[in-house]
Amino acid sequence: MVKLADGTHLYPVRNRQRYGERPGFKITELILEHGQEVPWHRHTTVIDTFYVIEGALRVAAAEPSQEVVLGPAQVFQVLAGRPHRVTSASAAPARFLVIGDAQGAGLYDFEPVAAPGDAP
């Protein structure tokens, strides 16, 4: 798959607002409606930290396989290189922050990957 500097054109969301951005670092607020998703992807050097403001957010990760459902004020972190996907976990919208930080090791990237178990 191809690494992209920005993958936002790949998935529609109800709302997307950037609050801070510099090379290797982004703070973005997203609202996902039921059925919307941030598709499977990974980042080369970026650690994604998810913080739920309202609703319920499902974060699925691979390598190793893990799925968590977060509610308001809960946090989950996905380390660099780990494939992950994000969806609303209920019929209500999920409003959350995603803080992407390359820890000074590089630039933000978005690499779409196949869902775990899909044939290459």
PDB file of N, CA and C in Angstrom:
ATOM      1  N   MET A   1       0.839  -1.187   0.000  1.00  0.00           N
ATOM      2  CA  MET A   1       0.000   0.000   0.000  1.00  0.00           C
ATOM      3  C   MET A   1       0.887   1.255   0.000  1.00  0.00           C
ATOM      4  N   VAL A   2       0.307   2.334  -0.421  1.00  0.00           N
ATOM      5  CA  VAL A   2       1.018   3.600  -0.543  1.00  0.00           C
ATOM      6  C   VAL A   2       0.856   4.422   0.733  1.00  0.00           C
ATOM      7  N   LYS A   3       1.947   5.000   1.215  1.00  0.00           N
ATOM      8  CA  LYS A   3       1.891   5.903   2.367  1.00  0.00           C
ATOM      9  C   LYS A   3       1.470   7.284   1.889  1.00  0.00           C
ATOM     10  N   LEU A   4       0.559   7.885   2.630  1.00  0.00           N
ATOM     11  CA  LEU A   4       0.051   9.206   2.283  1.00  0.00           C
ATOM     12  C   LEU A   4       0.398  10.192   3.380  1.00  0.00           C
ATOM     13  N   ALA A   5       0.603  11.441   3.022  1.00  0.00           N
ATOM     14  CA  ALA A   5       0.825  12.476   4.031  1.00  0.00           C
ATOM     15  C   ALA A   5      -0.473  12.774   4.774  1.00  0.00           C
ATOM     16  N   ASP A   6      -1.612  12.554   4.113  1.00  0.00           N
ATOM     17  CA  ASP A   6      -2.919  12.830   4.708  1.00  0.00           C
ATOM     18  C   ASP A   6      -3.930  11.885   4.079  1.00  0.00           C
ATOM     19  N   GLY A   7      -4.614  11.116   4.897  1.00  0.00           N
ATOM     20  CA  GLY A   7      -5.585  10.158   4.377  1.00  0.00           C
ATOM     21  C   GLY A   7      -7.026  10.586   4.549  1.00  0.00           C
ATOM     22  N   THR A   8      -7.276  11.844   4.923  1.00  0.00           N
ATOM     23  CA  THR A   8      -8.636  12.268   5.244  1.00  0.00           C
ATOM     24  C   THR A   8      -9.593  12.174   4.058  1.00  0.00           C
ATOM     25  N   HIS A   9      -9.090  12.239   2.843  1.00  0.00           N
ATOM     26  CA  HIS A   9      -9.961  12.130   1.672  1.00  0.00           C
ATOM     27  C   HIS A   9     -10.493  10.714   1.479  1.00  0.00           C
ATOM     28  N   LEU A  10      -9.956   9.749   2.209  1.00  0.00           N
ATOM     29  CA  LEU A  10     -10.341   8.351   2.047  1.00  0.00           C
ATOM     30  C   LEU A  10     -11.586   7.966   2.828  1.00  0.00           C
ATOM     31  N   TYR A  11     -12.023   8.800   3.769  1.00  0.00           N
ATOM     32  CA  TYR A  11     -13.168   8.421   4.598  1.00  0.00           C
ATOM     33  C   TYR A  11     -13.999   9.649   4.980  1.00  0.00           C
ATOM     34  N   PRO A  12     -15.306   9.577   4.730  1.00  0.00           N
ATOM     35  CA  PRO A  12     -16.184  10.685   5.120  1.00  0.00           C
ATOM     36  C   PRO A  12     -16.515  10.619   6.611  1.00  0.00           C
ATOM     37  N   VAL A  13     -16.579  11.763   7.243  1.00  0.00           N
ATOM     38  CA  VAL A  13     -16.980  11.872   8.644  1.00  0.00           C
ATOM     39  C   VAL A  13     -17.972  13.032   8.764  1.00  0.00           C
ATOM     40  N   ARG A  14     -18.738  13.054   9.870  1.00  0.00           N
ATOM     41  CA  ARG A  14     -19.693  14.152  10.043  1.00  0.00           C
ATOM     42  C   ARG A  14     -18.977  15.475  10.235  1.00  0.00           C
ATOM     43  N   ASN A  15     -17.886  15.444  10.996  1.00  0.00           N
ATOM     44  CA  ASN A  15     -17.149  16.679  11.253  1.00  0.00           C
ATOM     45  C   ASN A  15     -15.677  16.365  11.506  1.00  0.00           C
ATOM     46  N   ARG A  16     -14.820  17.253  11.032  1.00  0.00           N
ATOM     47  CA  ARG A  16     -13.369  17.125  11.254  1.00  0.00           C
ATOM     48  C   ARG A  16     -12.837  18.531  11.503  1.00  0.00           C
ATOM     49  N   GLN A  17     -12.185  18.727  12.644  1.00  0.00           N
ATOM     50  CA  GLN A  17     -11.643  20.043  12.996  1.00  0.00           C
ATOM     51  C   GLN A  17     -10.221  19.875  13.519  1.00  0.00           C
ATOM     52  N   ARG A  18      -9.261  20.562  12.921  1.00  0.00           N
ATOM     53  CA  ARG A  18      -7.873  20.519  13.394  1.00  0.00           C
ATOM     54  C   ARG A  18      -7.653  21.640  14.394  1.00  0.00           C
ATOM     55  N   TYR A  19      -7.065  21.313  15.541  1.00  0.00           N
ATOM     56  CA  TYR A  19      -6.775  22.311  16.566  1.00  0.00           C
ATOM     57  C   TYR A  19      -5.293  22.628  16.658  1.00  0.00           C
ATOM     58  N   GLY A  20      -4.467  21.739  16.241  1.00  0.00           N
ATOM     59  CA  GLY A  20      -3.034  21.981  16.282  1.00  0.00           C
ATOM     60  C   GLY A  20      -2.366  21.108  15.254  1.00  0.00           C
ATOM     61  N   GLU A  21      -1.419  21.676  14.545  1.00  0.00           N
ATOM     62  CA  GLU A  21      -0.697  20.890  13.556  1.00  0.00           C
ATOM     63  C   GLU A  21       0.670  21.504  13.334  1.00  0.00           C
ATOM     64  N   ARG A  22       1.653  20.633  13.346  1.00  0.00           N
ATOM     65  CA  ARG A  22       3.021  20.993  12.996  1.00  0.00           C
ATOM     66  C   ARG A  22       3.644  19.722  12.443  1.00  0.00           C
ATOM     67  N   PRO A  23       4.802  19.764  11.834  1.00  0.00           N
ATOM     68  CA  PRO A  23       5.385  18.534  11.296  1.00  0.00           C
ATOM     69  C   PRO A  23       5.476  17.444  12.372  1.00  0.00           C
ATOM     70  N   GLY A  24       4.877  16.297  12.077  1.00  0.00           N
ATOM     71  CA  GLY A  24       4.932  15.167  12.997  1.00  0.00           C
ATOM     72  C   GLY A  24       3.946  15.221  14.147  1.00  0.00           C
ATOM     73  N   PHE A  25       3.011  16.184  14.142  1.00  0.00           N
ATOM     74  CA  PHE A  25       2.070  16.302  15.267  1.00  0.00           C
ATOM     75  C   PHE A  25       0.750  16.899  14.792  1.00  0.00           C
ATOM     76  N   LYS A  26      -0.373  16.274  15.209  1.00  0.00           N
ATOM     77  CA  LYS A  26      -1.708  16.783  14.872  1.00  0.00           C
ATOM     78  C   LYS A  26      -2.653  16.529  16.032  1.00  0.00           C
ATOM     79  N   ILE A  27      -3.526  17.491  16.303  1.00  0.00           N
ATOM     80  CA  ILE A  27      -4.666  17.282  17.186  1.00  0.00           C
ATOM     81  C   ILE A  27      -5.900  17.528  16.331  1.00  0.00           C
ATOM     82  N   THR A  28      -6.739  16.506  16.216  1.00  0.00           N
ATOM     83  CA  THR A  28      -7.920  16.592  15.375  1.00  0.00           C
ATOM     84  C   THR A  28      -9.139  16.120  16.154  1.00  0.00           C
ATOM     85  N   GLU A  29     -10.223  16.885  16.068  1.00  0.00           N
ATOM     86  CA  GLU A  29     -11.502  16.440  16.629  1.00  0.00           C
ATOM     87  C   GLU A  29     -12.329  15.867  15.491  1.00  0.00           C
ATOM     88  N   LEU A  30     -12.862  14.672  15.706  1.00  0.00           N
ATOM     89  CA  LEU A  30     -13.698  14.011  14.708  1.00  0.00           C
ATOM     90  C   LEU A  30     -15.047  13.669  15.313  1.00  0.00           C
ATOM     91  N   ILE A  31     -16.073  13.669  14.484  1.00  0.00           N
ATOM     92  CA  ILE A  31     -17.369  13.117  14.857  1.00  0.00           C
ATOM     93  C   ILE A  31     -17.701  12.053  13.819  1.00  0.00           C
ATOM     94  N   LEU A  32     -17.876  10.820  14.299  1.00  0.00           N
ATOM     95  CA  LEU A  32     -18.261   9.711  13.431  1.00  0.00           C
ATOM     96  C   LEU A  32     -19.714   9.356  13.707  1.00  0.00           C
ATOM     97  N   GLU A  33     -20.527   9.339  12.672  1.00  0.00           N
ATOM     98  CA  GLU A  33     -21.902   8.844  12.774  1.00  0.00           C
ATOM     99  C   GLU A  33     -21.866   7.321  12.788  1.00  0.00           C
ATOM    100  N   HIS A  34     -22.958   6.713  13.236  1.00  0.00           N
ATOM    101  CA  HIS A  34     -23.070   5.256  13.170  1.00  0.00           C
ATOM    102  C   HIS A  34     -22.841   4.822  11.718  1.00  0.00           C
ATOM    103  N   GLY A  35     -21.974   3.857  11.503  1.00  0.00           N
ATOM    104  CA  GLY A  35     -21.668   3.363  10.165  1.00  0.00           C
ATOM    105  C   GLY A  35     -20.465   4.019   9.503  1.00  0.00           C
ATOM    106  N   GLN A  36     -20.007   5.151  10.025  1.00  0.00           N
ATOM    107  CA  GLN A  36     -18.794   5.777   9.485  1.00  0.00           C
ATOM    108  C   GLN A  36     -17.569   5.173  10.165  1.00  0.00           C
ATOM    109  N   GLU A  37     -16.432   5.247   9.490  1.00  0.00           N
ATOM    110  CA  GLU A  37     -15.212   4.679  10.053  1.00  0.00           C
ATOM    111  C   GLU A  37     -13.982   5.415   9.547  1.00  0.00           C
ATOM    112  N   VAL A  38     -12.937   5.320  10.328  1.00  0.00           N
ATOM    113  CA  VAL A  38     -11.587   5.614   9.857  1.00  0.00           C
ATOM    114  C   VAL A  38     -11.044   4.234   9.511  1.00  0.00           C
ATOM    115  N   PRO A  39     -10.833   3.924   8.232  1.00  0.00           N
ATOM    116  CA  PRO A  39     -10.519   2.558   7.815  1.00  0.00           C
ATOM    117  C   PRO A  39      -9.154   2.077   8.309  1.00  0.00           C
ATOM    118  N   TRP A  40      -8.939   0.785   8.146  1.00  0.00           N
ATOM    119  CA  TRP A  40      -7.678   0.177   8.568  1.00  0.00           C
ATOM    120  C   TRP A  40      -6.499   0.931   7.961  1.00  0.00           C
ATOM    121  N   HIS A  41      -5.551   1.271   8.831  1.00  0.00           N
ATOM    122  CA  HIS A  41      -4.352   1.993   8.405  1.00  0.00           C
ATOM    123  C   HIS A  41      -3.299   1.871   9.503  1.00  0.00           C
ATOM    124  N   ARG A  42      -2.135   2.370   9.213  1.00  0.00           N
ATOM    125  CA  ARG A  42      -1.071   2.470  10.223  1.00  0.00           C
ATOM    126  C   ARG A  42      -0.235   3.694   9.906  1.00  0.00           C
ATOM    127  N   HIS A  43       0.616   4.059  10.862  1.00  0.00           N
ATOM    128  CA  HIS A  43       1.526   5.194  10.713  1.00  0.00           C
ATOM    129  C   HIS A  43       2.945   4.693  10.962  1.00  0.00           C
ATOM    130  N   THR A  44       3.901   5.190  10.208  1.00  0.00           N
ATOM    131  CA  THR A  44       5.287   4.740  10.332  1.00  0.00           C
ATOM    132  C   THR A  44       5.886   5.092  11.687  1.00  0.00           C
ATOM    133  N   THR A  45       5.770   6.346  12.100  1.00  0.00           N
ATOM    134  CA  THR A  45       6.386   6.776  13.365  1.00  0.00           C
ATOM    135  C   THR A  45       5.396   7.412  14.330  1.00  0.00           C
ATOM    136  N   VAL A  46       4.150   7.590  13.905  1.00  0.00           N
ATOM    137  CA  VAL A  46       3.161   8.315  14.709  1.00  0.00           C
ATOM    138  C   VAL A  46       2.460   7.402  15.708  1.00  0.00           C
ATOM    139  N   ILE A  47       2.349   7.882  16.935  1.00  0.00           N
ATOM    140  CA  ILE A  47       1.526   7.255  17.964  1.00  0.00           C
ATOM    141  C   ILE A  47       0.196   7.995  17.976  1.00  0.00           C
ATOM    142  N   ASP A  48      -0.921   7.261  17.829  1.00  0.00           N
ATOM    143  CA  ASP A  48      -2.255   7.863  17.896  1.00  0.00           C
ATOM    144  C   ASP A  48      -2.818   7.673  19.298  1.00  0.00           C
ATOM    145  N   THR A  49      -3.263   8.761  19.906  1.00  0.00           N
ATOM    146  CA  THR A  49      -3.941   8.706  21.197  1.00  0.00           C
ATOM    147  C   THR A  49      -5.366   9.186  20.980  1.00  0.00           C
ATOM    148  N   PHE A  50      -6.336   8.354  21.363  1.00  0.00           N
ATOM    149  CA  PHE A  50      -7.756   8.667  21.199  1.00  0.00           C
ATOM    150  C   PHE A  50      -8.338   9.057  22.546  1.00  0.00           C
ATOM    151  N   TYR A  51      -9.064  10.174  22.580  1.00  0.00           N
ATOM    152  CA  TYR A  51      -9.737  10.656  23.791  1.00  0.00           C
ATOM    153  C   TYR A  51     -11.191  10.933  23.426  1.00  0.00           C
ATOM    154  N   VAL A  52     -12.124  10.235  24.086  1.00  0.00           N
ATOM    155  CA  VAL A  52     -13.540  10.365  23.754  1.00  0.00           C
ATOM    156  C   VAL A  52     -14.157  11.532  24.519  1.00  0.00           C
ATOM    157  N   ILE A  53     -14.845  12.403  23.786  1.00  0.00           N
ATOM    158  CA  ILE A  53     -15.551  13.541  24.377  1.00  0.00           C
ATOM    159  C   ILE A  53     -16.997  13.154  24.674  1.00  0.00           C
ATOM    160  N   GLU A  54     -17.667  12.531  23.695  1.00  0.00           N
ATOM    161  CA  GLU A  54     -19.031  12.049  23.930  1.00  0.00           C
ATOM    162  C   GLU A  54     -19.327  10.886  22.999  1.00  0.00           C
ATOM    163  N   GLY A  55     -20.270  10.047  23.425  1.00  0.00           N
ATOM    164  CA  GLY A  55     -20.613   8.865  22.653  1.00  0.00           C
ATOM    165  C   GLY A  55     -19.706   7.705  23.013  1.00  0.00           C
ATOM    166  N   ALA A  56     -19.692   6.711  22.140  1.00  0.00           N
ATOM    167  CA  ALA A  56     -18.866   5.519  22.342  1.00  0.00           C
ATOM    168  C   ALA A  56     -18.054   5.272  21.078  1.00  0.00           C
ATOM    169  N   LEU A  57     -16.776   5.000  21.265  1.00  0.00           N
ATOM    170  CA  LEU A  57     -15.833   4.818  20.159  1.00  0.00           C
ATOM    171  C   LEU A  57     -15.239   3.422  20.237  1.00  0.00           C
ATOM    172  N   ARG A  58     -15.230   2.725  19.091  1.00  0.00           N
ATOM    173  CA  ARG A  58     -14.601   1.404  19.015  1.00  0.00           C
ATOM    174  C   ARG A  58     -13.278   1.556  18.268  1.00  0.00           C
ATOM    175  N   VAL A  59     -12.205   1.107  18.910  1.00  0.00           N
ATOM    176  CA  VAL A  59     -10.891   1.089  18.271  1.00  0.00           C
ATOM    177  C   VAL A  59     -10.486  -0.372  18.142  1.00  0.00           C
ATOM    178  N   ALA A  60     -10.307  -0.827  16.916  1.00  0.00           N
ATOM    179  CA  ALA A  60      -9.822  -2.178  16.658  1.00  0.00           C
ATOM    180  C   ALA A  60      -8.374  -2.057  16.210  1.00  0.00           C
ATOM    181  N   ALA A  61      -7.534  -2.923  16.740  1.00  0.00           N
ATOM    182  CA  ALA A  61      -6.112  -2.907  16.382  1.00  0.00           C
ATOM    183  C   ALA A  61      -5.666  -4.333  16.073  1.00  0.00           C
ATOM    184  N   ALA A  62      -4.606  -4.444  15.308  1.00  0.00           N
ATOM    185  CA  ALA A  62      -4.037  -5.742  14.953  1.00  0.00           C
ATOM    186  C   ALA A  62      -2.587  -5.785  15.413  1.00  0.00           C
ATOM    187  N   GLU A  63      -2.029  -6.988  15.378  1.00  0.00           N
ATOM    188  CA  GLU A  63      -0.593  -7.208  15.662  1.00  0.00           C
ATOM    189  C   GLU A  63      -0.182  -6.732  17.048  1.00  0.00           C
ATOM    190  N   PRO A  64      -0.751  -7.253  18.127  1.00  0.00           N
ATOM    191  CA  PRO A  64      -1.752  -8.321  18.241  1.00  0.00           C
ATOM    192  C   PRO A  64      -3.169  -7.777  18.136  1.00  0.00           C
ATOM    193  N   SER A  65      -4.111  -8.703  17.893  1.00  0.00           N
ATOM    194  CA  SER A  65      -5.515  -8.348  17.760  1.00  0.00           C
ATOM    195  C   SER A  65      -6.069  -7.833  19.087  1.00  0.00           C
ATOM    196  N   GLN A  66      -6.782  -6.704  19.021  1.00  0.00           N
ATOM    197  CA  GLN A  66      -7.354  -6.092  20.219  1.00  0.00           C
ATOM    198  C   GLN A  66      -8.500  -5.186  19.788  1.00  0.00           C
ATOM    199  N   GLU A  67      -9.563  -5.153  20.601  1.00  0.00           N
ATOM    200  CA  GLU A  67     -10.662  -4.234  20.341  1.00  0.00           C
ATOM    201  C   GLU A  67     -11.117  -3.648  21.664  1.00  0.00           C
ATOM    202  N   VAL A  68     -11.253  -2.326  21.703  1.00  0.00           N
ATOM    203  CA  VAL A  68     -11.715  -1.648  22.911  1.00  0.00           C
ATOM    204  C   VAL A  68     -12.869  -0.728  22.537  1.00  0.00           C
ATOM    205  N   VAL A  69     -13.788  -0.567  23.485  1.00  0.00           N
ATOM    206  CA  VAL A  69     -14.866   0.403  23.342  1.00  0.00           C
ATOM    207  C   VAL A  69     -14.662   1.432  24.437  1.00  0.00           C
ATOM    208  N   LEU A  70     -14.547   2.685  24.028  1.00  0.00           N
ATOM    209  CA  LEU A  70     -14.263   3.777  24.952  1.00  0.00           C
ATOM    210  C   LEU A  70     -15.479   4.668  25.105  1.00  0.00           C
ATOM    211  N   GLY A  71     -15.682   5.161  26.331  1.00  0.00           N
ATOM    212  CA  GLY A  71     -16.724   6.134  26.612  1.00  0.00           C
ATOM    213  C   GLY A  71     -16.095   7.475  26.937  1.00  0.00           C
ATOM    214  N   PRO A  72     -16.924   8.463  27.283  1.00  0.00           N
ATOM    215  CA  PRO A  72     -16.419   9.798  27.588  1.00  0.00           C
ATOM    216  C   PRO A  72     -15.303   9.790  28.630  1.00  0.00           C
ATOM    217  N   ALA A  73     -14.271  10.575  28.363  1.00  0.00           N
ATOM    218  CA  ALA A  73     -13.087  10.761  29.212  1.00  0.00           C
ATOM    219  C   ALA A  73     -12.169   9.547  29.238  1.00  0.00           C
ATOM    220  N   GLN A  74     -12.405   8.554  28.386  1.00  0.00           N
ATOM    221  CA  GLN A  74     -11.500   7.406  28.311  1.00  0.00           C
ATOM    222  C   GLN A  74     -10.507   7.600  27.169  1.00  0.00           C
ATOM    223  N   VAL A  75      -9.337   6.983  27.345  1.00  0.00           N
ATOM    224  CA  VAL A  75      -8.208   7.173  26.434  1.00  0.00           C
ATOM    225  C   VAL A  75      -7.675   5.814  25.998  1.00  0.00           C
ATOM    226  N   PHE A  76      -7.223   5.736  24.744  1.00  0.00           N
ATOM    227  CA  PHE A  76      -6.554   4.537  24.243  1.00  0.00           C
ATOM    228  C   PHE A  76      -5.458   4.985  23.289  1.00  0.00           C
ATOM    229  N   GLN A  77      -4.327   4.293  23.335  1.00  0.00           N
ATOM    230  CA  GLN A  77      -3.178   4.666  22.514  1.00  0.00           C
ATOM    231  C   GLN A  77      -2.815   3.517  21.580  1.00  0.00           C
ATOM    232  N   VAL A  78      -2.529   3.860  20.323  1.00  0.00           N
ATOM    233  CA  VAL A  78      -2.077   2.896  19.323  1.00  0.00           C
ATOM    234  C   VAL A  78      -0.652   3.275  18.935  1.00  0.00           C
ATOM    235  N   LEU A  79       0.265   2.351  19.151  1.00  0.00           N
ATOM    236  CA  LEU A  79       1.675   2.624  18.871  1.00  0.00           C
ATOM    237  C   LEU A  79       1.964   2.672  17.372  1.00  0.00           C
ATOM    238  N   ALA A  80       3.035   3.327  17.010  1.00  0.00           N
ATOM    239  CA  ALA A  80       3.463   3.453  15.618  1.00  0.00           C
ATOM    240  C   ALA A  80       3.618   2.071  14.989  1.00  0.00           C
ATOM    241  N   GLY A  81       3.195   1.948  13.740  1.00  0.00           N
ATOM    242  CA  GLY A  81       3.326   0.706  12.994  1.00  0.00           C
ATOM    243  C   GLY A  81       2.191  -0.278  13.196  1.00  0.00           C
ATOM    244  N   ARG A  82       1.329  -0.058  14.188  1.00  0.00           N
ATOM    245  CA  ARG A  82       0.260  -1.007  14.501  1.00  0.00           C
ATOM    246  C   ARG A  82      -0.999  -0.674  13.684  1.00  0.00           C
ATOM    247  N   PRO A  83      -1.465  -1.614  12.867  1.00  0.00           N
ATOM    248  CA  PRO A  83      -2.683  -1.369  12.099  1.00  0.00           C
ATOM    249  C   PRO A  83      -3.879  -1.148  13.026  1.00  0.00           C
ATOM    250  N   HIS A  84      -4.751  -0.199  12.649  1.00  0.00           N
ATOM    251  CA  HIS A  84      -5.934   0.062  13.461  1.00  0.00           C
ATOM    252  C   HIS A  84      -7.054   0.667  12.627  1.00  0.00           C
ATOM    253  N   ARG A  85      -8.264   0.603  13.199  1.00  0.00           N
ATOM    254  CA  ARG A  85      -9.492   1.088  12.568  1.00  0.00           C
ATOM    255  C   ARG A  85     -10.354   1.682  13.671  1.00  0.00           C
ATOM    256  N   VAL A  86     -11.133   2.727  13.358  1.00  0.00           N
ATOM    257  CA  VAL A  86     -11.940   3.411  14.365  1.00  0.00           C
ATOM    258  C   VAL A  86     -13.367   3.549  13.841  1.00  0.00           C
ATOM    259  N   THR A  87     -14.360   3.224  14.699  1.00  0.00           N
ATOM    260  CA  THR A  87     -15.770   3.353  14.343  1.00  0.00           C
ATOM    261  C   THR A  87     -16.555   3.865  15.543  1.00  0.00           C
ATOM    262  N   SER A  88     -17.759   4.370  15.267  1.00  0.00           N
ATOM    263  CA  SER A  88     -18.690   4.674  16.352  1.00  0.00           C
ATOM    264  C   SER A  88     -19.173   3.339  16.902  1.00  0.00           C
ATOM    265  N   ALA A  89     -19.280   3.227  18.229  1.00  0.00           N
ATOM    266  CA  ALA A  89     -19.643   1.951  18.850  1.00  0.00           C
ATOM    267  C   ALA A  89     -21.115   1.884  19.236  1.00  0.00           C
ATOM    268  N   SER A  90     -21.912   2.862  18.823  1.00  0.00           N
ATOM    269  CA  SER A  90     -23.340   2.841  19.139  1.00  0.00           C
ATOM    270  C   SER A  90     -24.105   3.544  18.025  1.00  0.00           C
ATOM    271  N   ALA A  91     -25.421   3.618  18.179  1.00  0.00           N
ATOM    272  CA  ALA A  91     -26.242   4.303  17.181  1.00  0.00           C
ATOM    273  C   ALA A  91     -26.029   5.816  17.223  1.00  0.00           C
ATOM    274  N   ALA A  92     -25.524   6.315  18.337  1.00  0.00           N
ATOM    275  CA  ALA A  92     -25.263   7.751  18.489  1.00  0.00           C
ATOM    276  C   ALA A  92     -23.888   8.093  17.915  1.00  0.00           C
ATOM    277  N   PRO A  93     -23.678   9.333  17.512  1.00  0.00           N
ATOM    278  CA  PRO A  93     -22.359   9.740  17.024  1.00  0.00           C
ATOM    279  C   PRO A  93     -21.288   9.640  18.118  1.00  0.00           C
ATOM    280  N   ALA A  94     -20.063   9.422  17.704  1.00  0.00           N
ATOM    281  CA  ALA A  94     -18.911   9.438  18.616  1.00  0.00           C
ATOM    282  C   ALA A  94     -18.103  10.696  18.323  1.00  0.00           C
ATOM    283  N   ARG A  95     -17.884  11.508  19.343  1.00  0.00           N
ATOM    284  CA  ARG A  95     -17.067  12.728  19.209  1.00  0.00           C
ATOM    285  C   ARG A  95     -15.790  12.499  20.001  1.00  0.00           C
ATOM    286  N   PHE A  96     -14.641  12.665  19.354  1.00  0.00           N
ATOM    287  CA  PHE A  96     -13.380  12.333  20.006  1.00  0.00           C
ATOM    288  C   PHE A  96     -12.237  13.154  19.436  1.00  0.00           C
ATOM    289  N   LEU A  97     -11.159  13.194  20.203  1.00  0.00           N
ATOM    290  CA  LEU A  97      -9.907  13.780  19.744  1.00  0.00           C
ATOM    291  C   LEU A  97      -8.968  12.653  19.368  1.00  0.00           C
ATOM    292  N   VAL A  98      -8.196  12.866  18.321  1.00  0.00           N
ATOM    293  CA  VAL A  98      -7.084  11.978  18.021  1.00  0.00           C
ATOM    294  C   VAL A  98      -5.837  12.855  17.995  1.00  0.00           C
ATOM    295  N   ILE A  99      -4.884  12.468  18.811  1.00  0.00           N
ATOM    296  CA  ILE A  99      -3.615  13.184  18.908  1.00  0.00           C
ATOM    297  C   ILE A  99      -2.572  12.293  18.258  1.00  0.00           C
ATOM    298  N   GLY A 100      -2.056  12.734  17.126  1.00  0.00           N
ATOM    299  CA  GLY A 100      -1.049  11.977  16.398  1.00  0.00           C
ATOM    300  C   GLY A 100       0.310  12.620  16.605  1.00  0.00           C
ATOM    301  N   ASP A 101       1.228  11.863  17.207  1.00  0.00           N
ATOM    302  CA  ASP A 101       2.539  12.424  17.557  1.00  0.00           C
ATOM    303  C   ASP A 101       3.648  11.487  17.104  1.00  0.00           C
ATOM    304  N   ALA A 102       4.527  11.990  16.247  1.00  0.00           N
ATOM    305  CA  ALA A 102       5.656  11.198  15.751  1.00  0.00           C
ATOM    306  C   ALA A 102       6.829  11.194  16.722  1.00  0.00           C
ATOM    307  N   GLN A 103       6.669  11.808  17.890  1.00  0.00           N
ATOM    308  CA  GLN A 103       7.700  11.792  18.929  1.00  0.00           C
ATOM    309  C   GLN A 103       9.044  12.290  18.406  1.00  0.00           C
ATOM    310  N   GLY A 104       9.025  13.227  17.473  1.00  0.00           N
ATOM    311  CA  GLY A 104      10.261  13.776  16.926  1.00  0.00           C
ATOM    312  C   GLY A 104      10.976  12.851  15.962  1.00  0.00           C
ATOM    313  N   ALA A 105      10.341  11.696  15.625  1.00  0.00           N
ATOM    314  CA  ALA A 105      11.012  10.692  14.806  1.00  0.00           C
ATOM    315  C   ALA A 105      10.660  10.764  13.327  1.00  0.00           C
ATOM    316  N   GLY A 106       9.791  11.679  12.930  1.00  0.00           N
ATOM    317  CA  GLY A 106       9.436  11.750  11.516  1.00  0.00           C
ATOM    318  C   GLY A 106       8.197  12.571  11.297  1.00  0.00           C
ATOM    319  N   LEU A 107       7.644  12.462  10.101  1.00  0.00           N
ATOM    320  CA  LEU A 107       6.455  13.206   9.726  1.00  0.00           C
ATOM    321  C   LEU A 107       5.217  12.338   9.863  1.00  0.00           C
ATOM    322  N   TYR A 108       4.065  12.984   9.959  1.00  0.00           N
ATOM    323  CA  TYR A 108       2.791  12.279  10.005  1.00  0.00           C
ATOM    324  C   TYR A 108       2.558  11.605   8.661  1.00  0.00           C
ATOM    325  N   ASP A 109       2.127  10.353   8.688  1.00  0.00           N
ATOM    326  CA  ASP A 109       1.752   9.655   7.467  1.00  0.00           C
ATOM    327  C   ASP A 109       0.529   8.790   7.745  1.00  0.00           C
ATOM    328  N   PHE A 110      -0.124   8.332   6.695  1.00  0.00           N
ATOM    329  CA  PHE A 110      -1.317   7.497   6.762  1.00  0.00           C
ATOM    330  C   PHE A 110      -1.143   6.429   5.703  1.00  0.00           C
ATOM    331  N   GLU A 111      -0.969   5.184   6.126  1.00  0.00           N
ATOM    332  CA  GLU A 111      -0.765   4.082   5.187  1.00  0.00           C
ATOM    333  C   GLU A 111      -1.956   3.136   5.260  1.00  0.00           C
ATOM    334  N   PRO A 112      -2.854   3.160   4.260  1.00  0.00           N
ATOM    335  CA  PRO A 112      -3.973   2.215   4.257  1.00  0.00           C
ATOM    336  C   PRO A 112      -3.444   0.780   4.237  1.00  0.00           C
ATOM    337  N   VAL A 113      -4.092  -0.093   4.998  1.00  0.00           N
ATOM    338  CA  VAL A 113      -3.711  -1.510   5.032  1.00  0.00           C
ATOM    339  C   VAL A 113      -4.973  -2.351   4.912  1.00  0.00           C
ATOM    340  N   ALA A 114      -4.798  -3.593   4.484  1.00  0.00           N
ATOM    341  CA  ALA A 114      -5.922  -4.523   4.400  1.00  0.00           C
ATOM    342  C   ALA A 114      -6.394  -4.876   5.803  1.00  0.00           C
ATOM    343  N   ALA A 115      -7.677  -5.158   5.918  1.00  0.00           N
ATOM    344  CA  ALA A 115      -8.211  -5.603   7.203  1.00  0.00           C
ATOM    345  C   ALA A 115      -7.549  -6.919   7.584  1.00  0.00           C
ATOM    346  N   PRO A 116      -7.292  -7.135   8.874  1.00  0.00           N
ATOM    347  CA  PRO A 116      -6.687  -8.401   9.296  1.00  0.00           C
ATOM    348  C   PRO A 116      -7.508  -9.580   8.778  1.00  0.00           C
ATOM    349  N   GLY A 117      -6.831 -10.561   8.244  1.00  0.00           N
ATOM    350  CA  GLY A 117      -7.503 -11.735   7.717  1.00  0.00           C
ATOM    351  C   GLY A 117      -7.843 -11.642   6.238  1.00  0.00           C
ATOM    352  N   ASP A 118      -7.774 -10.442   5.646  1.00  0.00           N
ATOM    353  CA  ASP A 118      -8.010 -10.306   4.209  1.00  0.00           C
ATOM    354  C   ASP A 118      -6.802 -10.840   3.451  1.00  0.00           C
ATOM    355  N   ALA A 119      -7.062 -11.494   2.353  1.00  0.00           N
ATOM    356  CA  ALA A 119      -5.960 -12.000   1.534  1.00  0.00           C
ATOM    357  C   ALA A 119      -5.249 -10.827   0.869  1.00  0.00           C
ATOM    358  N   PRO A 120      -3.914 -10.908   0.743  1.00  0.00           N
ATOM    359  CA  PRO A 120      -3.172  -9.812   0.091  1.00  0.00           C
ATOM    360  C   PRO A 120      -3.487  -9.690  -1.382  1.00  0.00           C
TER     361      PRO A 120
END
